[in-house]
Amino acid sequence: MMPLTYLVDFAAINEQSYPYVMKEFAANGAKNLVLTDYLISRIFQTYGYADILKNQMNDNGLKFVDSHAMFGPRLDLCTALPHDRKIAILRLQMTLEILAYMGVDTITVHVGNNTRQPEGYQSLEQNIDRIEDALAQILPTAEKLGITICIENIWFPTNTPEVLLGIKEHFPTDALGFCWDSGHANLCEKGYLHENGGAHGQVWKNFYGKDPVWDDKICEKMLPHIVNCHLHDNDGNTDQHKCPGNGNIDWDKTVSLLKKAPRLKCIQSEVITTRDNVSIRTLCETFQKLFPECE
C-alpha cells in the first residue's frame, strides 16, 4: 500500500510538543510524517538528534518515508559562488547519509530560483549547467544508498517542466526523479486570474520583463518521472499551502492523474496547518478521503 505522508511545520512548534503533535497525527490515522528541511538542519546541529526523532516517531507508531532538503539561494543546486557551492554539495551528500540512517528513500531538492542569487544575475543556461554539475556529483551517493532525488517544479524559469525534463534526459538513472507540487503548478495555471498575474506573473514581468508562460499541463508533462508529490491548495495568486478544498485546484483531476504516475512512491500532504489554521483531524480526514487506498 502506498504511503500517505504529512508535513508538520516543526519550526513553528515548541520542541517539547513534538511527541504530542506526533500522537495527534497517529490518533487521526496517520502512519507517516515528512522528515522536513528544518528537522534535517537540527540533525546537523545536534549530535544524537536523529536518534531522538527516531525514538519519538517509534513511540507513536509513525515513520519517516520522505524528506525535503534544506533550500535557499546559497543551498540550491544552481548556487554559483565557489565556496557556497562546495559546501552546498557536501551538505546534500551528508543529508543523503542521514536519510539512509533514518530509513528515508526520497528527498525533494530545489534546483534553485534565478532571481535571488547572491552572485548576481546568471543566465538560464548558466544555471542549468550548474544544476547538472551538482547532480553529477550528488547522484552517485544517492545510487549507492538507494535514495531518489526528486527535483521540484516551482514558478521560475529554472524549474519549469521543460527544464526539469531536459535535466532528466542527462541522467537516466532511477536515482533522479521529480517532485510535482500542486500548489506551484496552480500558480502557473491560474495566476492570470489575479492582478499582475500573481506570484508567477510578477516574477516573469518584474525580473525578466516578459509575459509569463501559463501552463495547465504541468503534471501531465512531469508524470512519467513523478516519484513524490507535494499536495496543497491555493487560489492561484500566492503559494498558500492550504488544505485541499480551500483553493481552486481540481482535486478529482489531480487524484486521477497521480494514479497514472508509474514511478510514484508516496503521496505527501504539504499543507501547512499552522498557516492555514486547519486542525490535524480535518487534514487527515481530507487526505484519507482523497486517497483511501493509501495509508
Protein backbone atom coordinates (compact mmCIF):
# COMPACT_ATOMS: atom_id res chain seq x y z
CA MET A 1 0.00 0.00 0.00
CA MET A 2 1.37 3.41 -0.97
CA PRO A 3 2.39 5.61 1.99
CA LEU A 4 0.44 8.78 2.73
CA THR A 5 2.71 11.27 4.47
CA TYR A 6 2.12 14.57 6.25
CA LEU A 7 4.26 17.68 6.51
CA VAL A 8 4.44 19.16 10.02
CA ASP A 9 5.75 22.71 10.44
CA PHE A 10 8.08 21.68 13.26
CA ALA A 11 9.86 25.05 13.12
CA ALA A 12 6.66 26.73 14.35
CA ILE A 13 6.11 24.31 17.24
CA ASN A 14 7.73 24.19 20.66
CA GLU A 15 10.12 21.24 20.62
CA GLN A 16 8.65 19.85 23.83
CA SER A 17 5.34 19.50 21.95
CA TYR A 18 6.72 17.27 19.18
CA PRO A 19 5.63 13.98 20.83
CA TYR A 20 2.14 15.39 21.44
CA VAL A 21 1.79 16.51 17.80
CA MET A 22 3.02 13.11 16.61
CA LYS A 23 0.48 11.43 18.88
CA GLU A 24 -2.32 13.59 17.45
CA PHE A 25 -1.42 12.60 13.89
CA ALA A 26 -1.31 8.93 14.88
CA ALA A 27 -4.67 9.23 16.68
CA ASN A 28 -6.18 10.53 13.44
CA GLY A 29 -4.94 7.65 11.33
CA ALA A 30 -1.59 8.95 10.11
CA LYS A 31 1.25 6.46 9.68
CA ASN A 32 3.97 8.66 8.19
CA LEU A 33 5.43 12.15 8.55
CA VAL A 34 7.89 14.11 6.40
CA LEU A 35 11.50 14.49 7.50
CA THR A 36 11.49 18.22 6.86
CA ASP A 37 14.31 20.58 5.96
CA TYR A 38 14.05 22.01 9.48
CA LEU A 39 14.43 18.61 11.15
CA ILE A 40 17.40 17.83 8.91
CA SER A 41 19.01 21.13 9.95
CA ARG A 42 18.51 20.14 13.61
CA ILE A 43 20.19 16.79 12.98
CA PHE A 44 23.16 18.68 11.54
CA GLN A 45 23.27 20.96 14.57
CA THR A 46 22.90 18.47 17.41
CA TYR A 47 24.71 15.17 17.80
CA GLY A 48 22.26 12.37 18.55
CA TYR A 49 19.20 14.32 17.41
CA ALA A 50 18.42 11.75 14.71
CA ASP A 51 18.02 9.09 17.39
CA ILE A 52 15.77 11.37 19.45
CA LEU A 53 13.46 11.80 16.45
CA LYS A 54 13.51 8.10 15.62
CA ASN A 55 12.54 7.21 19.18
CA GLN A 56 9.74 9.78 19.29
CA MET A 57 8.34 8.50 16.00
CA ASN A 58 8.61 4.85 17.05
CA ASP A 59 6.86 5.60 20.35
CA ASN A 60 3.88 6.89 18.38
CA GLY A 61 3.84 4.22 15.68
CA LEU A 62 5.00 6.63 12.98
CA LYS A 63 7.68 6.51 10.28
CA PHE A 64 9.58 8.98 8.12
CA VAL A 65 9.40 7.85 4.48
CA ASP A 66 10.13 11.04 2.52
CA SER A 67 12.05 14.26 3.08
CA HIS A 68 12.85 17.78 1.92
CA ALA A 69 16.38 19.14 1.56
CA MET A 70 17.39 22.44 3.09
CA PHE A 71 16.97 25.18 0.49
CA GLY A 72 17.77 28.80 -0.29
CA PRO A 73 19.97 30.94 -2.57
CA ARG A 74 23.21 29.55 -1.07
CA LEU A 75 21.94 25.97 -0.73
CA ASP A 76 20.25 25.14 -4.05
CA LEU A 77 21.79 23.19 -6.93
CA CYS A 78 22.36 26.31 -9.07
CA THR A 79 24.38 28.13 -6.41
CA ALA A 80 27.39 29.70 -8.16
CA LEU A 81 29.77 31.18 -5.57
CA PRO A 82 32.60 28.59 -5.32
CA HIS A 83 32.75 28.36 -1.52
CA ASP A 84 28.96 28.22 -1.12
CA ARG A 85 28.69 25.69 -3.93
CA LYS A 86 31.24 23.31 -2.47
CA ILE A 87 29.55 23.39 0.94
CA ALA A 88 26.06 23.02 -0.57
CA ILE A 89 27.07 19.88 -2.46
CA LEU A 90 28.81 18.40 0.58
CA ARG A 91 25.76 19.20 2.70
CA LEU A 92 23.49 17.35 0.28
CA GLN A 93 25.80 14.34 0.22
CA MET A 94 25.77 14.29 4.02
CA THR A 95 21.99 14.70 4.01
CA LEU A 96 21.68 11.54 1.92
CA GLU A 97 23.67 9.64 4.55
CA ILE A 98 21.30 10.97 7.23
CA LEU A 99 18.30 9.81 5.19
CA ALA A 100 19.74 6.33 4.86
CA TYR A 101 20.15 6.16 8.64
CA MET A 102 16.57 7.39 9.11
CA GLY A 103 15.11 4.87 6.65
CA VAL A 104 14.01 7.51 4.13
CA ASP A 105 14.25 6.80 0.40
CA THR A 106 13.14 10.02 -1.34
CA ILE A 107 14.23 13.64 -0.96
CA THR A 108 12.82 16.71 -2.66
CA VAL A 109 15.55 19.12 -3.79
CA HIS A 110 15.19 22.64 -5.19
CA VAL A 111 17.26 23.26 -8.31
CA GLY A 112 17.09 26.95 -7.38
CA ASN A 113 15.41 30.18 -8.44
CA ASN A 114 17.44 32.60 -10.54
CA THR A 115 16.05 35.85 -9.11
CA ARG A 116 17.74 35.95 -5.71
CA GLN A 117 21.24 34.66 -6.38
CA PRO A 118 23.91 36.32 -4.20
CA GLU A 119 26.41 36.30 -7.08
CA GLY A 120 24.10 38.41 -9.25
CA TYR A 121 22.21 37.63 -12.43
CA GLN A 122 23.09 34.39 -14.19
CA SER A 123 21.60 33.21 -17.48
CA LEU A 124 19.25 30.25 -17.66
CA GLU A 125 21.92 28.25 -19.47
CA GLN A 126 24.49 29.00 -16.74
CA ASN A 127 22.03 27.89 -14.09
CA ILE A 128 21.20 24.65 -15.88
CA ASP A 129 24.91 23.86 -16.31
CA ARG A 130 25.48 24.27 -12.57
CA ILE A 131 22.39 22.23 -11.68
CA GLU A 132 23.60 19.36 -13.85
CA ASP A 133 27.14 19.63 -12.47
CA ALA A 134 25.82 19.41 -8.90
CA LEU A 135 23.64 16.40 -9.72
CA ALA A 136 26.61 14.66 -11.35
CA GLN A 137 28.43 14.94 -8.01
CA ILE A 138 25.46 14.00 -5.79
CA LEU A 139 23.72 11.22 -7.71
CA PRO A 140 26.44 8.57 -7.17
CA THR A 141 25.83 8.84 -3.41
CA ALA A 142 22.08 8.57 -3.95
CA GLU A 143 22.55 5.49 -6.14
CA LYS A 144 24.77 3.84 -3.54
CA LEU A 145 22.23 4.45 -0.77
CA GLY A 146 19.10 3.61 -2.76
CA ILE A 147 17.63 7.11 -2.44
CA THR A 148 15.77 9.02 -5.15
CA ILE A 149 16.48 12.74 -5.55
CA CYS A 150 13.29 14.50 -6.67
CA ILE A 151 13.71 17.88 -8.35
CA GLU A 152 10.65 20.11 -7.98
CA ASN A 153 8.60 22.38 -10.21
CA ILE A 154 8.30 25.90 -8.83
CA TRP A 155 7.31 29.03 -10.83
CA PHE A 156 10.66 30.30 -12.12
CA PRO A 157 12.35 29.72 -15.50
CA THR A 158 14.89 27.40 -13.83
CA ASN A 159 12.23 24.91 -12.70
CA THR A 160 9.62 24.69 -15.44
CA PRO A 161 8.65 21.17 -16.52
CA GLU A 162 10.57 21.67 -19.77
CA VAL A 163 13.79 22.50 -17.91
CA LEU A 164 13.33 19.61 -15.47
CA LEU A 165 12.70 17.19 -18.34
CA GLY A 166 15.83 18.44 -20.10
CA ILE A 167 17.87 17.83 -16.95
CA LYS A 168 16.38 14.36 -16.55
CA GLU A 169 17.46 13.46 -20.11
CA HIS A 170 21.07 13.86 -18.97
CA PHE A 171 20.59 11.48 -16.03
CA PRO A 172 18.65 8.31 -16.95
CA THR A 173 19.36 6.80 -13.52
CA ASP A 174 16.40 5.87 -11.30
CA ALA A 175 18.11 7.87 -8.56
CA LEU A 176 16.72 11.04 -10.18
CA GLY A 177 13.03 11.78 -10.45
CA PHE A 178 10.55 14.60 -9.98
CA CYS A 179 8.50 16.03 -7.14
CA TRP A 180 5.32 17.51 -8.56
CA ASP A 181 3.99 20.38 -6.45
CA SER A 182 0.27 21.00 -6.96
CA GLY A 183 0.32 24.49 -5.44
CA HIS A 184 3.25 25.67 -7.54
CA ALA A 185 1.60 24.27 -10.67
CA ASN A 186 -1.62 26.12 -9.84
CA LEU A 187 0.24 29.45 -9.73
CA CYS A 188 1.50 28.76 -13.26
CA GLU A 189 -2.01 27.81 -14.40
CA LYS A 190 -4.36 30.30 -12.73
CA GLY A 191 -2.20 33.28 -11.80
CA TYR A 192 -3.67 35.18 -14.76
CA LEU A 193 -6.90 35.46 -12.76
CA HIS A 194 -5.16 37.89 -10.39
CA GLU A 195 -3.73 41.39 -10.69
CA ASN A 196 -0.23 41.35 -12.19
CA GLY A 197 -0.51 37.59 -12.70
CA GLY A 198 0.00 36.63 -9.07
CA ALA A 199 3.37 35.36 -7.83
CA HIS A 200 4.16 33.64 -11.13
CA GLY A 201 3.28 36.61 -13.31
CA GLN A 202 5.14 39.10 -11.13
CA VAL A 203 8.38 37.09 -11.27
CA TRP A 204 8.34 36.92 -15.05
CA LYS A 205 7.27 40.55 -15.60
CA ASN A 206 9.33 42.28 -12.92
CA PHE A 207 12.53 40.27 -13.20
CA TYR A 208 12.58 39.18 -16.84
CA GLY A 209 10.47 41.92 -18.41
CA LYS A 210 8.33 39.44 -20.33
CA ASP A 211 4.86 37.98 -20.14
CA PRO A 212 4.63 34.78 -18.08
CA VAL A 213 4.11 31.39 -19.69
CA TRP A 214 0.81 29.91 -18.45
CA ASP A 215 0.65 26.13 -18.32
CA ASP A 216 -2.24 23.85 -17.33
CA LYS A 217 -0.43 20.60 -18.22
CA ILE A 218 2.50 20.62 -15.78
CA CYS A 219 1.51 17.39 -14.05
CA GLU A 220 0.94 15.62 -17.37
CA LYS A 221 4.40 16.66 -18.61
CA MET A 222 6.15 15.53 -15.44
CA LEU A 223 4.04 12.38 -14.92
CA PRO A 224 6.49 9.72 -16.23
CA HIS A 225 9.11 10.76 -13.67
CA ILE A 226 7.00 11.81 -10.65
CA VAL A 227 8.32 9.95 -7.59
CA ASN A 228 6.99 12.22 -4.86
CA CYS A 229 4.31 14.92 -4.78
CA HIS A 230 3.58 17.95 -2.64
CA LEU A 231 -0.18 18.36 -2.39
CA HIS A 232 -1.74 21.59 -1.12
CA ASP A 233 -4.21 24.16 -2.39
CA ASN A 234 -4.25 27.89 -3.22
CA ASP A 235 -6.23 30.40 -5.27
CA GLY A 236 -3.59 30.79 -7.99
CA ASN A 237 -2.24 34.04 -6.54
CA THR A 238 0.37 33.04 -3.95
CA ASP A 239 1.86 29.85 -2.51
CA GLN A 240 -0.60 29.47 0.36
CA HIS A 241 -0.23 25.75 1.31
CA LYS A 242 -3.93 25.39 2.10
CA CYS A 243 -5.89 22.22 2.75
CA PRO A 244 -7.44 20.72 -0.41
CA GLY A 245 -10.82 22.34 -0.96
CA ASN A 246 -9.72 25.73 0.38
CA GLY A 247 -8.46 26.89 -3.03
CA ASN A 248 -9.36 26.30 -6.69
CA ILE A 249 -7.32 23.21 -7.63
CA ASP A 250 -9.29 20.43 -9.35
CA TRP A 251 -8.67 17.56 -6.92
CA ASP A 252 -10.60 14.94 -8.87
CA LYS A 253 -8.27 15.58 -11.82
CA THR A 254 -5.22 15.58 -9.54
CA VAL A 255 -6.06 12.22 -7.96
CA SER A 256 -6.82 10.70 -11.37
CA LEU A 257 -3.51 11.85 -12.84
CA LEU A 258 -1.38 10.69 -9.92
CA LYS A 259 -2.87 7.20 -10.21
CA LYS A 260 -1.18 7.03 -13.64
CA ALA A 261 2.31 8.03 -12.39
CA PRO A 262 4.43 4.90 -12.94
CA ARG A 263 7.23 5.83 -10.51
CA LEU A 264 5.18 7.37 -7.69
CA LYS A 265 6.39 6.19 -4.25
CA CYS A 266 4.25 8.23 -1.86
CA ILE A 267 1.52 10.84 -1.52
CA GLN A 268 2.50 13.84 0.59
CA SER A 269 0.33 16.47 2.22
CA GLU A 270 2.33 19.70 2.18
CA VAL A 271 -0.47 21.64 3.83
CA ILE A 272 0.95 23.99 6.47
CA THR A 273 -1.65 23.64 9.20
CA THR A 274 -0.21 26.43 11.35
CA ARG A 275 -0.62 28.85 8.43
CA ASP A 276 -3.99 27.59 7.13
CA ASN A 277 -5.43 27.22 10.65
CA VAL A 278 -6.71 23.73 9.87
CA SER A 279 -6.95 21.00 12.50
CA ILE A 280 -4.92 17.81 12.31
CA ARG A 281 -8.18 15.86 12.26
CA THR A 282 -9.56 17.81 9.30
CA LEU A 283 -6.27 17.47 7.43
CA CYS A 284 -6.06 13.70 7.91
CA GLU A 285 -9.72 13.16 7.05
CA THR A 286 -9.35 15.23 3.87
CA PHE A 287 -6.40 13.24 2.57
CA GLN A 288 -7.84 9.91 3.64
CA LYS A 289 -10.95 10.68 1.57
CA LEU A 290 -8.88 11.76 -1.43
CA PHE A 291 -6.58 8.73 -1.24
CA PRO A 292 -8.45 5.91 0.54
CA GLU A 293 -6.08 3.31 -0.92
CA CYS A 294 -3.06 4.89 0.83
CA GLU A 295 -2.02 4.73 4.46
